[in-house]
Amino acid sequence: MTSPPVLPSVSEIYASRDVSRDGLLARAFATLFEPSPALFEFLVPSVMAIITDSKSPIPQRTFNALIDIGIRALDDWPHRRQASFLGGHPRIGEIKGLSALSASEQAAHATPPEVLARLLELNEEYERRYPGLRYITFVNGRSRKAIMVEMEEKLGIGDDAWDKGDSKEVHLLGSEEWVSEVRRALEDIGKIAKSRLVALKVDGDEAAAN
C-alpha cells in the first residue's frame, strides 16, 4: 500500500518564494488538490503572489487560509482553465492510477463490480451533459454506491430505467448551469482539501511562525 504523503510545514511554505513544480507550495497543493498542469502553471504562481504581497489581507497564515485563497483564485479563472483544473481529480469509481489519498477517500468500503460499471456510465453521461467537466463530490466517508445514488439524482436518472438514447439537455461551457456546476465542484474541492489535512494529521488552523 502506498504511504500517505508528508506535507511541508506551513511556516516553510509561507517563507518560500519557489513557484516551481518541486517547490513547497506546489507539493502541498498537488497533495491537497491533486496535480494538474493548470495547478502548476497558474494556481501556484497566483497564490504565491498573494501570500507574498504585504498588502494582501490574509488574517492568518495557515493551511486552511492557503486552501481558501486557492479556491477563491480558481473561482476567478477562465472557464476552460477551471475545467482543466477539475480534470486533475480522478473520476468517481476509478480504481487505477489514484493518489494514496484519493484511493483512501473513494475505497472506504468494498465496491461491487456492478456499482463500478454503473459509475462508469454515470461519469460518461455527466461529462456529456457538462462538456469539459468531471463530476466531483466531497465523499466524506461515503461508499461508492452512495455516490452512485447521488449522481443518479443529479442527472435525474432512475436506478434501473435509463435509456441511453434519451435526449438530455447539454449545458455548454459558460452557460449558467455549467458555471453553477463548476462552483459546486470548487466548493467540494475545498472541503476535500481540508479533510485531507485531517487525514494527514495536520492542524489546518495552526499559524505559520513569524
N, C-alpha and C. Protein backbone atom coordinates (compact mmCIF):
# COMPACT_ATOMS: atom_id res chain seq x y z
N MET A 1 0.84 -1.20 0.00
CA MET A 1 0.00 0.00 0.00
C MET A 1 0.87 1.25 0.00
N THR A 2 0.51 2.23 -0.80
CA THR A 2 1.29 3.46 -0.90
C THR A 2 1.21 4.26 0.38
N SER A 3 2.36 4.73 0.86
CA SER A 3 2.37 5.54 2.07
C SER A 3 1.77 6.91 1.80
N PRO A 4 1.04 7.46 2.78
CA PRO A 4 0.48 8.80 2.58
C PRO A 4 1.59 9.83 2.46
N PRO A 5 1.36 10.90 1.70
CA PRO A 5 2.39 11.93 1.53
C PRO A 5 2.60 12.71 2.82
N VAL A 6 3.71 13.40 2.87
CA VAL A 6 4.02 14.25 4.02
C VAL A 6 4.04 15.69 3.53
N LEU A 7 3.24 16.54 4.14
CA LEU A 7 3.19 17.95 3.74
C LEU A 7 4.36 18.72 4.33
N PRO A 8 4.89 19.70 3.60
CA PRO A 8 5.86 20.62 4.20
C PRO A 8 5.16 21.39 5.33
N SER A 9 5.93 21.97 6.21
CA SER A 9 5.32 22.77 7.27
C SER A 9 4.74 24.05 6.68
N VAL A 10 3.70 24.56 7.30
CA VAL A 10 3.06 25.77 6.80
C VAL A 10 4.03 26.96 6.88
N SER A 11 4.90 26.97 7.89
CA SER A 11 5.89 28.05 8.01
C SER A 11 6.85 28.04 6.82
N GLU A 12 7.29 26.84 6.42
CA GLU A 12 8.21 26.73 5.28
C GLU A 12 7.54 27.20 3.99
N ILE A 13 6.25 26.87 3.83
CA ILE A 13 5.53 27.27 2.61
C ILE A 13 5.44 28.78 2.52
N TYR A 14 5.03 29.42 3.61
CA TYR A 14 4.86 30.87 3.58
C TYR A 14 6.20 31.60 3.47
N ALA A 15 7.28 30.96 3.88
CA ALA A 15 8.60 31.60 3.79
C ALA A 15 9.23 31.40 2.41
N SER A 16 8.69 30.46 1.65
CA SER A 16 9.27 30.15 0.34
C SER A 16 8.81 31.14 -0.72
N ARG A 17 9.61 31.25 -1.78
CA ARG A 17 9.22 32.05 -2.95
C ARG A 17 9.27 31.18 -4.21
N ASP A 18 9.42 29.89 -4.02
CA ASP A 18 9.61 28.96 -5.13
C ASP A 18 8.26 28.59 -5.74
N VAL A 19 8.09 28.89 -7.03
CA VAL A 19 6.83 28.55 -7.72
C VAL A 19 7.03 27.39 -8.70
N SER A 20 8.15 26.69 -8.60
CA SER A 20 8.40 25.56 -9.49
C SER A 20 7.55 24.36 -9.07
N ARG A 21 7.51 23.35 -9.94
CA ARG A 21 6.76 22.13 -9.64
C ARG A 21 7.30 21.40 -8.41
N ASP A 22 8.58 21.63 -8.11
CA ASP A 22 9.19 20.98 -6.97
C ASP A 22 9.17 21.86 -5.72
N GLY A 23 8.61 23.06 -5.85
CA GLY A 23 8.54 23.96 -4.71
C GLY A 23 7.59 23.47 -3.64
N LEU A 24 7.70 24.04 -2.46
CA LEU A 24 6.90 23.59 -1.32
C LEU A 24 5.41 23.82 -1.54
N LEU A 25 5.04 24.98 -2.09
CA LEU A 25 3.63 25.27 -2.31
C LEU A 25 3.05 24.31 -3.35
N ALA A 26 3.80 24.07 -4.42
CA ALA A 26 3.34 23.15 -5.46
C ALA A 26 3.16 21.74 -4.90
N ARG A 27 4.09 21.30 -4.09
CA ARG A 27 3.98 19.97 -3.49
C ARG A 27 2.77 19.86 -2.58
N ALA A 28 2.54 20.89 -1.79
CA ALA A 28 1.39 20.89 -0.89
C ALA A 28 0.08 20.90 -1.67
N PHE A 29 -0.02 21.77 -2.67
CA PHE A 29 -1.26 21.86 -3.45
C PHE A 29 -1.50 20.58 -4.27
N ALA A 30 -0.43 19.97 -4.78
CA ALA A 30 -0.61 18.73 -5.54
C ALA A 30 -1.19 17.63 -4.63
N THR A 31 -0.84 17.66 -3.37
CA THR A 31 -1.38 16.69 -2.42
C THR A 31 -2.81 17.03 -2.03
N LEU A 32 -3.08 18.28 -1.77
CA LEU A 32 -4.40 18.68 -1.28
C LEU A 32 -5.44 18.79 -2.38
N PHE A 33 -5.02 19.20 -3.59
CA PHE A 33 -5.95 19.43 -4.70
C PHE A 33 -5.86 18.41 -5.83
N GLU A 34 -4.82 17.57 -5.84
CA GLU A 34 -4.47 16.67 -6.94
C GLU A 34 -3.68 17.46 -8.00
N PRO A 35 -2.63 16.85 -8.53
CA PRO A 35 -1.78 17.56 -9.50
C PRO A 35 -2.47 17.72 -10.86
N SER A 36 -2.20 18.82 -11.52
CA SER A 36 -2.68 19.06 -12.88
C SER A 36 -1.80 20.14 -13.49
N PRO A 37 -1.71 20.19 -14.82
CA PRO A 37 -0.93 21.26 -15.45
C PRO A 37 -1.41 22.65 -15.03
N ALA A 38 -2.73 22.82 -14.92
CA ALA A 38 -3.28 24.13 -14.54
C ALA A 38 -2.85 24.51 -13.13
N LEU A 39 -2.76 23.54 -12.25
CA LEU A 39 -2.33 23.82 -10.87
C LEU A 39 -0.91 24.35 -10.86
N PHE A 40 -0.02 23.65 -11.56
CA PHE A 40 1.39 24.05 -11.54
C PHE A 40 1.63 25.35 -12.31
N GLU A 41 0.95 25.50 -13.44
CA GLU A 41 1.22 26.66 -14.29
C GLU A 41 0.56 27.94 -13.81
N PHE A 42 -0.64 27.82 -13.23
CA PHE A 42 -1.41 29.02 -12.90
C PHE A 42 -1.71 29.19 -11.40
N LEU A 43 -2.16 28.11 -10.75
CA LEU A 43 -2.60 28.27 -9.36
C LEU A 43 -1.44 28.59 -8.43
N VAL A 44 -0.37 27.84 -8.52
CA VAL A 44 0.76 28.05 -7.62
C VAL A 44 1.32 29.47 -7.74
N PRO A 45 1.60 29.98 -8.96
CA PRO A 45 2.13 31.35 -9.05
C PRO A 45 1.14 32.40 -8.53
N SER A 46 -0.16 32.22 -8.81
CA SER A 46 -1.12 33.25 -8.38
C SER A 46 -1.26 33.27 -6.87
N VAL A 47 -1.28 32.09 -6.25
CA VAL A 47 -1.38 32.05 -4.79
C VAL A 47 -0.09 32.56 -4.14
N MET A 48 1.04 32.21 -4.72
CA MET A 48 2.31 32.70 -4.18
C MET A 48 2.35 34.23 -4.24
N ALA A 49 1.85 34.82 -5.32
CA ALA A 49 1.83 36.27 -5.45
C ALA A 49 0.99 36.91 -4.35
N ILE A 50 -0.10 36.24 -3.99
CA ILE A 50 -0.99 36.77 -2.95
C ILE A 50 -0.33 36.68 -1.58
N ILE A 51 0.22 35.51 -1.25
CA ILE A 51 0.73 35.33 0.12
C ILE A 51 2.06 36.05 0.35
N THR A 52 2.72 36.48 -0.73
CA THR A 52 3.97 37.22 -0.55
C THR A 52 3.78 38.73 -0.70
N ASP A 53 2.54 39.13 -0.98
CA ASP A 53 2.24 40.55 -1.12
C ASP A 53 1.88 41.12 0.25
N SER A 54 2.67 42.05 0.72
CA SER A 54 2.45 42.61 2.06
C SER A 54 1.11 43.33 2.17
N LYS A 55 0.51 43.70 1.03
CA LYS A 55 -0.78 44.40 1.05
C LYS A 55 -1.98 43.45 1.00
N SER A 56 -1.72 42.15 0.83
CA SER A 56 -2.82 41.19 0.76
C SER A 56 -3.43 40.98 2.14
N PRO A 57 -4.75 41.06 2.26
CA PRO A 57 -5.41 40.87 3.56
C PRO A 57 -5.54 39.39 3.90
N ILE A 58 -4.52 38.83 4.55
CA ILE A 58 -4.55 37.43 4.97
C ILE A 58 -4.56 37.42 6.49
N PRO A 59 -5.72 37.15 7.11
CA PRO A 59 -5.83 37.22 8.57
C PRO A 59 -4.84 36.32 9.29
N GLN A 60 -4.70 35.06 8.79
CA GLN A 60 -3.76 34.13 9.41
C GLN A 60 -3.05 33.34 8.32
N ARG A 61 -1.81 33.01 8.58
CA ARG A 61 -1.04 32.23 7.61
C ARG A 61 -1.11 30.76 8.01
N THR A 62 -2.17 30.11 7.56
CA THR A 62 -2.44 28.72 7.92
C THR A 62 -2.70 27.90 6.66
N PHE A 63 -2.77 26.58 6.82
CA PHE A 63 -3.13 25.73 5.69
C PHE A 63 -4.56 25.99 5.24
N ASN A 64 -5.47 26.16 6.18
CA ASN A 64 -6.85 26.45 5.80
C ASN A 64 -6.94 27.74 5.00
N ALA A 65 -6.15 28.74 5.39
CA ALA A 65 -6.14 30.00 4.64
C ALA A 65 -5.59 29.78 3.23
N LEU A 66 -4.55 28.97 3.10
CA LEU A 66 -3.99 28.66 1.78
C LEU A 66 -5.03 28.01 0.88
N ILE A 67 -5.79 27.08 1.44
CA ILE A 67 -6.84 26.41 0.67
C ILE A 67 -7.90 27.41 0.24
N ASP A 68 -8.32 28.25 1.16
CA ASP A 68 -9.35 29.26 0.83
C ASP A 68 -8.87 30.23 -0.25
N ILE A 69 -7.61 30.64 -0.15
CA ILE A 69 -7.04 31.54 -1.17
C ILE A 69 -7.03 30.85 -2.52
N GLY A 70 -6.65 29.57 -2.52
CA GLY A 70 -6.62 28.82 -3.76
C GLY A 70 -7.98 28.69 -4.41
N ILE A 71 -9.00 28.40 -3.61
CA ILE A 71 -10.35 28.24 -4.15
C ILE A 71 -10.88 29.57 -4.70
N ARG A 72 -10.59 30.67 -4.00
CA ARG A 72 -11.03 31.98 -4.50
C ARG A 72 -10.35 32.31 -5.82
N ALA A 73 -9.07 31.96 -5.93
CA ALA A 73 -8.36 32.20 -7.19
C ALA A 73 -8.96 31.37 -8.32
N LEU A 74 -9.28 30.13 -8.04
CA LEU A 74 -9.88 29.24 -9.04
C LEU A 74 -11.23 29.77 -9.52
N ASP A 75 -11.98 30.35 -8.61
CA ASP A 75 -13.31 30.84 -8.95
C ASP A 75 -13.26 31.97 -9.97
N ASP A 76 -12.13 32.66 -10.05
CA ASP A 76 -12.00 33.78 -10.99
C ASP A 76 -11.35 33.39 -12.32
N TRP A 77 -11.00 32.14 -12.46
CA TRP A 77 -10.31 31.71 -13.68
C TRP A 77 -11.25 31.67 -14.88
N PRO A 78 -10.69 31.74 -16.09
CA PRO A 78 -11.49 31.49 -17.30
C PRO A 78 -12.06 30.07 -17.25
N HIS A 79 -13.18 29.87 -17.91
CA HIS A 79 -13.90 28.60 -17.80
C HIS A 79 -13.07 27.40 -18.26
N ARG A 80 -12.37 27.53 -19.36
CA ARG A 80 -11.60 26.38 -19.85
C ARG A 80 -10.48 26.01 -18.87
N ARG A 81 -9.89 26.99 -18.24
CA ARG A 81 -8.83 26.70 -17.28
C ARG A 81 -9.42 26.03 -16.03
N GLN A 82 -10.61 26.46 -15.62
CA GLN A 82 -11.29 25.79 -14.50
C GLN A 82 -11.53 24.32 -14.82
N ALA A 83 -12.02 24.06 -16.05
CA ALA A 83 -12.29 22.68 -16.45
C ALA A 83 -11.00 21.86 -16.45
N SER A 84 -9.90 22.45 -16.89
CA SER A 84 -8.62 21.75 -16.90
C SER A 84 -8.19 21.40 -15.49
N PHE A 85 -8.38 22.31 -14.56
CA PHE A 85 -8.02 22.05 -13.17
C PHE A 85 -8.88 20.93 -12.59
N LEU A 86 -10.19 21.00 -12.81
CA LEU A 86 -11.10 19.98 -12.27
C LEU A 86 -10.76 18.60 -12.83
N GLY A 87 -10.24 18.57 -14.06
CA GLY A 87 -9.88 17.31 -14.66
C GLY A 87 -8.71 16.61 -13.99
N GLY A 88 -8.03 17.30 -13.08
CA GLY A 88 -6.95 16.68 -12.32
C GLY A 88 -7.45 15.69 -11.29
N HIS A 89 -8.72 15.84 -10.89
CA HIS A 89 -9.29 14.91 -9.91
C HIS A 89 -9.73 13.63 -10.62
N PRO A 90 -9.55 12.48 -10.00
CA PRO A 90 -9.98 11.23 -10.64
C PRO A 90 -11.50 11.14 -10.71
N ARG A 91 -12.00 10.39 -11.67
CA ARG A 91 -13.44 10.14 -11.75
C ARG A 91 -13.88 9.27 -10.58
N ILE A 92 -15.09 9.49 -10.13
CA ILE A 92 -15.66 8.63 -9.10
C ILE A 92 -15.72 7.21 -9.64
N GLY A 93 -15.16 6.28 -8.86
CA GLY A 93 -15.20 4.89 -9.28
C GLY A 93 -13.92 4.39 -9.92
N GLU A 94 -13.00 5.31 -10.26
CA GLU A 94 -11.73 4.86 -10.82
C GLU A 94 -10.96 4.07 -9.77
N ILE A 95 -10.26 3.04 -10.19
CA ILE A 95 -9.52 2.21 -9.24
C ILE A 95 -8.03 2.12 -9.57
N LYS A 96 -7.63 2.69 -10.70
CA LYS A 96 -6.23 2.65 -11.09
C LYS A 96 -5.67 4.06 -11.19
N GLY A 97 -4.38 4.18 -10.90
CA GLY A 97 -3.71 5.45 -11.06
C GLY A 97 -4.12 6.52 -10.06
N LEU A 98 -4.68 6.10 -8.91
CA LEU A 98 -5.13 7.06 -7.91
C LEU A 98 -3.99 7.44 -6.96
N SER A 99 -4.01 8.66 -6.48
CA SER A 99 -3.10 9.04 -5.42
C SER A 99 -3.50 8.27 -4.16
N ALA A 100 -2.59 8.20 -3.20
CA ALA A 100 -2.88 7.47 -1.96
C ALA A 100 -4.12 8.04 -1.27
N LEU A 101 -4.26 9.36 -1.28
CA LEU A 101 -5.40 9.97 -0.60
C LEU A 101 -6.69 9.73 -1.36
N SER A 102 -6.66 9.83 -2.68
CA SER A 102 -7.87 9.57 -3.47
C SER A 102 -8.32 8.13 -3.31
N ALA A 103 -7.37 7.20 -3.31
CA ALA A 103 -7.72 5.80 -3.14
C ALA A 103 -8.37 5.56 -1.80
N SER A 104 -7.82 6.20 -0.76
CA SER A 104 -8.39 6.05 0.59
C SER A 104 -9.78 6.65 0.67
N GLU A 105 -9.98 7.82 0.04
CA GLU A 105 -11.27 8.50 0.10
C GLU A 105 -12.36 7.72 -0.63
N GLN A 106 -12.02 7.18 -1.79
CA GLN A 106 -13.02 6.52 -2.62
C GLN A 106 -13.29 5.08 -2.21
N ALA A 107 -12.34 4.43 -1.59
CA ALA A 107 -12.47 3.00 -1.33
C ALA A 107 -12.59 2.68 0.15
N ALA A 108 -13.33 3.51 0.87
CA ALA A 108 -13.54 3.24 2.29
C ALA A 108 -14.34 1.97 2.49
N HIS A 109 -15.11 1.58 1.50
CA HIS A 109 -15.91 0.37 1.55
C HIS A 109 -15.67 -0.43 0.27
N ALA A 110 -15.79 -1.77 0.37
CA ALA A 110 -15.65 -2.61 -0.82
C ALA A 110 -16.76 -2.25 -1.82
N THR A 111 -16.40 -2.21 -3.10
CA THR A 111 -17.35 -1.80 -4.12
C THR A 111 -17.68 -2.96 -5.04
N PRO A 112 -18.96 -3.35 -5.13
CA PRO A 112 -19.35 -4.41 -6.06
C PRO A 112 -19.06 -4.00 -7.50
N PRO A 113 -18.72 -4.97 -8.36
CA PRO A 113 -18.39 -4.64 -9.76
C PRO A 113 -19.54 -3.97 -10.50
N GLU A 114 -20.79 -4.30 -10.15
CA GLU A 114 -21.91 -3.66 -10.84
C GLU A 114 -22.01 -2.17 -10.51
N VAL A 115 -21.56 -1.79 -9.30
CA VAL A 115 -21.56 -0.38 -8.93
C VAL A 115 -20.48 0.36 -9.73
N LEU A 116 -19.31 -0.25 -9.87
CA LEU A 116 -18.24 0.36 -10.66
C LEU A 116 -18.68 0.54 -12.11
N ALA A 117 -19.38 -0.47 -12.65
CA ALA A 117 -19.86 -0.38 -14.03
C ALA A 117 -20.88 0.74 -14.16
N ARG A 118 -21.76 0.87 -13.17
CA ARG A 118 -22.77 1.92 -13.20
C ARG A 118 -22.12 3.30 -13.12
N LEU A 119 -21.10 3.42 -12.26
CA LEU A 119 -20.41 4.70 -12.13
C LEU A 119 -19.73 5.09 -13.44
N LEU A 120 -19.21 4.13 -14.15
CA LEU A 120 -18.61 4.41 -15.45
C LEU A 120 -19.64 5.03 -16.39
N GLU A 121 -20.85 4.47 -16.42
CA GLU A 121 -21.92 5.01 -17.25
C GLU A 121 -22.32 6.41 -16.81
N LEU A 122 -22.43 6.59 -15.50
CA LEU A 122 -22.86 7.88 -14.97
C LEU A 122 -21.82 8.97 -15.25
N ASN A 123 -20.55 8.63 -15.11
CA ASN A 123 -19.50 9.59 -15.43
C ASN A 123 -19.57 10.00 -16.90
N GLU A 124 -19.78 9.04 -17.77
CA GLU A 124 -19.89 9.34 -19.19
C GLU A 124 -21.07 10.26 -19.48
N GLU A 125 -22.21 9.99 -18.83
CA GLU A 125 -23.39 10.81 -19.06
C GLU A 125 -23.20 12.22 -18.49
N TYR A 126 -22.60 12.31 -17.31
CA TYR A 126 -22.33 13.62 -16.71
C TYR A 126 -21.42 14.44 -17.63
N GLU A 127 -20.37 13.83 -18.13
CA GLU A 127 -19.41 14.54 -18.97
C GLU A 127 -20.00 14.89 -20.33
N ARG A 128 -21.00 14.14 -20.75
CA ARG A 128 -21.70 14.51 -21.99
C ARG A 128 -22.56 15.74 -21.76
N ARG A 129 -23.20 15.79 -20.61
CA ARG A 129 -24.11 16.92 -20.32
C ARG A 129 -23.37 18.19 -19.93
N TYR A 130 -22.19 18.03 -19.33
CA TYR A 130 -21.39 19.18 -18.91
C TYR A 130 -20.02 19.06 -19.61
N PRO A 131 -19.94 19.43 -20.88
CA PRO A 131 -18.71 19.25 -21.65
C PRO A 131 -17.50 19.88 -20.96
N GLY A 132 -16.44 19.08 -20.85
CA GLY A 132 -15.20 19.57 -20.26
C GLY A 132 -15.10 19.38 -18.77
N LEU A 133 -16.22 19.06 -18.10
CA LEU A 133 -16.20 18.92 -16.65
C LEU A 133 -16.11 17.46 -16.23
N ARG A 134 -15.75 17.27 -14.99
CA ARG A 134 -15.69 15.94 -14.37
C ARG A 134 -16.49 16.02 -13.07
N TYR A 135 -17.27 14.99 -12.78
CA TYR A 135 -18.09 15.02 -11.57
C TYR A 135 -17.20 14.89 -10.34
N ILE A 136 -17.29 15.87 -9.47
CA ILE A 136 -16.51 15.89 -8.23
C ILE A 136 -17.46 16.09 -7.07
N THR A 137 -17.25 15.32 -6.02
CA THR A 137 -18.08 15.48 -4.83
C THR A 137 -17.24 15.16 -3.60
N PHE A 138 -17.58 15.77 -2.49
CA PHE A 138 -16.90 15.51 -1.22
C PHE A 138 -17.43 14.17 -0.70
N VAL A 139 -16.64 13.14 -0.81
CA VAL A 139 -17.09 11.79 -0.45
C VAL A 139 -17.40 11.70 1.05
N ASN A 140 -16.51 12.22 1.88
CA ASN A 140 -16.75 12.30 3.33
C ASN A 140 -17.11 10.95 3.93
N GLY A 141 -16.36 9.91 3.57
CA GLY A 141 -16.55 8.60 4.16
C GLY A 141 -17.65 7.75 3.55
N ARG A 142 -18.37 8.30 2.56
CA ARG A 142 -19.46 7.53 1.96
C ARG A 142 -18.92 6.48 1.00
N SER A 143 -19.71 5.44 0.76
CA SER A 143 -19.32 4.40 -0.17
C SER A 143 -19.52 4.87 -1.61
N ARG A 144 -18.91 4.14 -2.54
CA ARG A 144 -19.12 4.45 -3.95
C ARG A 144 -20.59 4.25 -4.34
N LYS A 145 -21.25 3.30 -3.70
CA LYS A 145 -22.66 3.07 -4.01
C LYS A 145 -23.49 4.29 -3.63
N ALA A 146 -23.17 4.91 -2.48
CA ALA A 146 -23.89 6.12 -2.06
C ALA A 146 -23.65 7.25 -3.05
N ILE A 147 -22.43 7.36 -3.55
CA ILE A 147 -22.13 8.39 -4.53
C ILE A 147 -22.85 8.09 -5.84
N MET A 148 -22.98 6.81 -6.18
CA MET A 148 -23.72 6.42 -7.38
C MET A 148 -25.15 6.94 -7.31
N VAL A 149 -25.79 6.77 -6.16
CA VAL A 149 -27.16 7.26 -5.98
C VAL A 149 -27.20 8.78 -6.11
N GLU A 150 -26.20 9.46 -5.54
CA GLU A 150 -26.12 10.92 -5.64
C GLU A 150 -26.02 11.35 -7.10
N MET A 151 -25.21 10.65 -7.89
CA MET A 151 -25.04 11.00 -9.29
C MET A 151 -26.33 10.75 -10.07
N GLU A 152 -27.01 9.66 -9.77
CA GLU A 152 -28.29 9.38 -10.43
C GLU A 152 -29.29 10.49 -10.17
N GLU A 153 -29.34 10.94 -8.91
CA GLU A 153 -30.26 12.03 -8.57
C GLU A 153 -29.85 13.32 -9.28
N LYS A 154 -28.55 13.59 -9.34
CA LYS A 154 -28.05 14.79 -10.01
C LYS A 154 -28.46 14.80 -11.47
N LEU A 155 -28.41 13.62 -12.10
CA LEU A 155 -28.70 13.51 -13.53
C LEU A 155 -30.17 13.21 -13.80
N GLY A 156 -30.95 13.01 -12.74
CA GLY A 156 -32.36 12.70 -12.94
C GLY A 156 -32.58 11.35 -13.58
N ILE A 157 -31.72 10.39 -13.18
CA ILE A 157 -31.77 9.05 -13.77
C ILE A 157 -32.25 8.06 -12.71
N GLY A 158 -33.23 7.23 -13.05
CA GLY A 158 -33.70 6.20 -12.13
C GLY A 158 -32.69 5.09 -11.99
N ASP A 159 -32.85 4.27 -10.93
CA ASP A 159 -31.85 3.24 -10.67
C ASP A 159 -31.89 2.09 -11.67
N ASP A 160 -33.00 1.86 -12.39
CA ASP A 160 -32.98 0.82 -13.39
C ASP A 160 -33.47 1.25 -14.76
N ALA A 161 -34.36 2.20 -14.83
CA ALA A 161 -34.91 2.58 -16.13
C ALA A 161 -34.15 3.77 -16.70
N TRP A 162 -33.15 3.49 -17.51
CA TRP A 162 -32.39 4.56 -18.14
C TRP A 162 -32.07 4.17 -19.55
N ASP A 163 -32.66 4.88 -20.45
CA ASP A 163 -32.41 4.65 -21.87
C ASP A 163 -31.31 5.61 -22.31
N LYS A 164 -30.14 5.06 -22.64
CA LYS A 164 -29.02 5.92 -23.02
C LYS A 164 -29.34 6.73 -24.27
N GLY A 165 -30.35 6.31 -25.00
CA GLY A 165 -30.71 7.06 -26.19
C GLY A 165 -31.57 8.27 -25.90
N ASP A 166 -32.00 8.41 -24.65
CA ASP A 166 -32.81 9.57 -24.28
C ASP A 166 -32.05 10.86 -24.56
N SER A 167 -32.76 11.83 -25.08
CA SER A 167 -32.13 13.12 -25.34
C SER A 167 -32.20 13.98 -24.09
N LYS A 168 -31.06 14.32 -23.53
CA LYS A 168 -30.99 15.17 -22.35
C LYS A 168 -30.24 16.44 -22.71
N GLU A 169 -30.66 17.52 -22.09
CA GLU A 169 -30.05 18.81 -22.42
C GLU A 169 -28.57 18.84 -22.09
N VAL A 170 -27.80 19.39 -23.00
CA VAL A 170 -26.37 19.57 -22.78
C VAL A 170 -26.14 21.01 -22.34
N HIS A 171 -25.40 21.19 -21.24
CA HIS A 171 -25.11 22.52 -20.70
C HIS A 171 -23.72 22.93 -21.19
N LEU A 172 -23.70 23.80 -22.16
CA LEU A 172 -22.45 24.17 -22.80
C LEU A 172 -21.55 25.00 -21.89
N LEU A 173 -20.27 24.95 -22.19
CA LEU A 173 -19.27 25.70 -21.43
C LEU A 173 -19.69 27.16 -21.31
N GLY A 174 -19.69 27.67 -20.08
CA GLY A 174 -20.04 29.07 -19.84
C GLY A 174 -21.50 29.32 -19.60
N SER A 175 -22.37 28.32 -19.82
CA SER A 175 -23.79 28.50 -19.55
C SER A 175 -24.02 28.61 -18.04
N GLU A 176 -25.18 29.11 -17.68
CA GLU A 176 -25.49 29.29 -16.25
C GLU A 176 -25.38 27.96 -15.50
N GLU A 177 -25.91 26.89 -16.09
CA GLU A 177 -25.89 25.59 -15.44
C GLU A 177 -24.46 25.06 -15.32
N TRP A 178 -23.67 25.27 -16.37
CA TRP A 178 -22.27 24.82 -16.38
C TRP A 178 -21.48 25.55 -15.30
N VAL A 179 -21.63 26.86 -15.23
CA VAL A 179 -20.90 27.66 -14.24
C VAL A 179 -21.33 27.29 -12.82
N SER A 180 -22.62 27.06 -12.63
CA SER A 180 -23.11 26.65 -11.32
C SER A 180 -22.48 25.34 -10.88
N GLU A 181 -22.31 24.42 -11.82
CA GLU A 181 -21.70 23.13 -11.51
C GLU A 181 -20.22 23.29 -11.18
N VAL A 182 -19.54 24.19 -11.86
CA VAL A 182 -18.14 24.46 -11.53
C VAL A 182 -18.02 24.99 -10.10
N ARG A 183 -18.88 25.91 -9.74
CA ARG A 183 -18.82 26.49 -8.39
C ARG A 183 -19.10 25.44 -7.33
N ARG A 184 -20.05 24.54 -7.60
CA ARG A 184 -20.33 23.46 -6.65
C ARG A 184 -19.10 22.57 -6.50
N ALA A 185 -18.48 22.23 -7.65
CA ALA A 185 -17.31 21.37 -7.62
C ALA A 185 -16.15 22.02 -6.87
N LEU A 186 -15.92 23.31 -7.10
CA LEU A 186 -14.83 24.00 -6.40
C LEU A 186 -15.07 24.06 -4.90
N GLU A 187 -16.31 24.26 -4.52
CA GLU A 187 -16.63 24.26 -3.09
C GLU A 187 -16.30 22.91 -2.47
N ASP A 188 -16.64 21.83 -3.19
CA ASP A 188 -16.36 20.49 -2.68
C ASP A 188 -14.86 20.20 -2.69
N ILE A 189 -14.14 20.73 -3.67
CA ILE A 189 -12.69 20.54 -3.68
C ILE A 189 -12.05 21.18 -2.45
N GLY A 190 -12.58 22.34 -2.04
CA GLY A 190 -12.09 22.96 -0.81
C GLY A 190 -12.34 22.08 0.39
N LYS A 191 -13.52 21.45 0.45
CA LYS A 191 -13.85 20.54 1.56
C LYS A 191 -12.95 19.32 1.53
N ILE A 192 -12.70 18.79 0.34
CA ILE A 192 -11.82 17.63 0.20
C ILE A 192 -10.42 17.97 0.70
N ALA A 193 -9.91 19.13 0.29
CA ALA A 193 -8.56 19.54 0.69
C ALA A 193 -8.45 19.65 2.20
N LYS A 194 -9.45 20.23 2.85
CA LYS A 194 -9.40 20.39 4.30
C LYS A 194 -9.55 19.04 5.01
N SER A 195 -10.31 18.13 4.41
CA SER A 195 -10.43 16.80 5.01
C SER A 195 -9.11 16.04 4.87
N ARG A 196 -8.36 16.33 3.82
CA ARG A 196 -7.06 15.69 3.65
C ARG A 196 -6.07 16.15 4.72
N LEU A 197 -6.19 17.38 5.15
CA LEU A 197 -5.35 17.84 6.26
C LEU A 197 -5.60 16.98 7.49
N VAL A 198 -6.87 16.69 7.74
CA VAL A 198 -7.22 15.86 8.90
C VAL A 198 -6.64 14.45 8.73
N ALA A 199 -6.78 13.89 7.50
CA ALA A 199 -6.26 12.54 7.24
C ALA A 199 -4.74 12.48 7.43
N LEU A 200 -4.08 13.59 7.13
CA LEU A 200 -2.62 13.66 7.26
C LEU A 200 -2.18 14.13 8.65
N LYS A 201 -3.19 14.31 9.53
CA LYS A 201 -2.92 14.75 10.91
C LYS A 201 -2.19 16.09 10.95
N VAL A 202 -2.66 16.98 10.08
CA VAL A 202 -2.12 18.35 10.03
C VAL A 202 -3.18 19.31 10.56
N ASP A 203 -2.76 20.18 11.46
CA ASP A 203 -3.67 21.18 12.03
C ASP A 203 -3.81 22.33 11.02
N GLY A 204 -4.97 22.38 10.37
CA GLY A 204 -5.18 23.40 9.35
C GLY A 204 -5.26 24.80 9.88
N ASP A 205 -5.46 24.95 11.17
CA ASP A 205 -5.57 26.30 11.78
C ASP A 205 -4.29 26.76 12.46
N GLU A 206 -3.28 25.91 12.47
CA GLU A 206 -2.02 26.30 13.10
C GLU A 206 -1.33 27.36 12.25
N ALA A 207 -1.06 28.50 12.83
CA ALA A 207 -0.48 29.62 12.08
C ALA A 207 1.03 29.44 11.91
N ALA A 208 1.51 29.94 10.77
CA ALA A 208 2.94 29.89 10.49
C ALA A 208 3.68 30.78 11.49
N ALA A 209 4.85 30.35 11.86
CA ALA A 209 5.68 31.16 12.76
C ALA A 209 6.19 32.38 12.01
N ASN A 210 6.30 33.48 12.70
CA ASN A 210 6.79 34.70 12.08
C ASN A 210 8.27 34.60 11.77
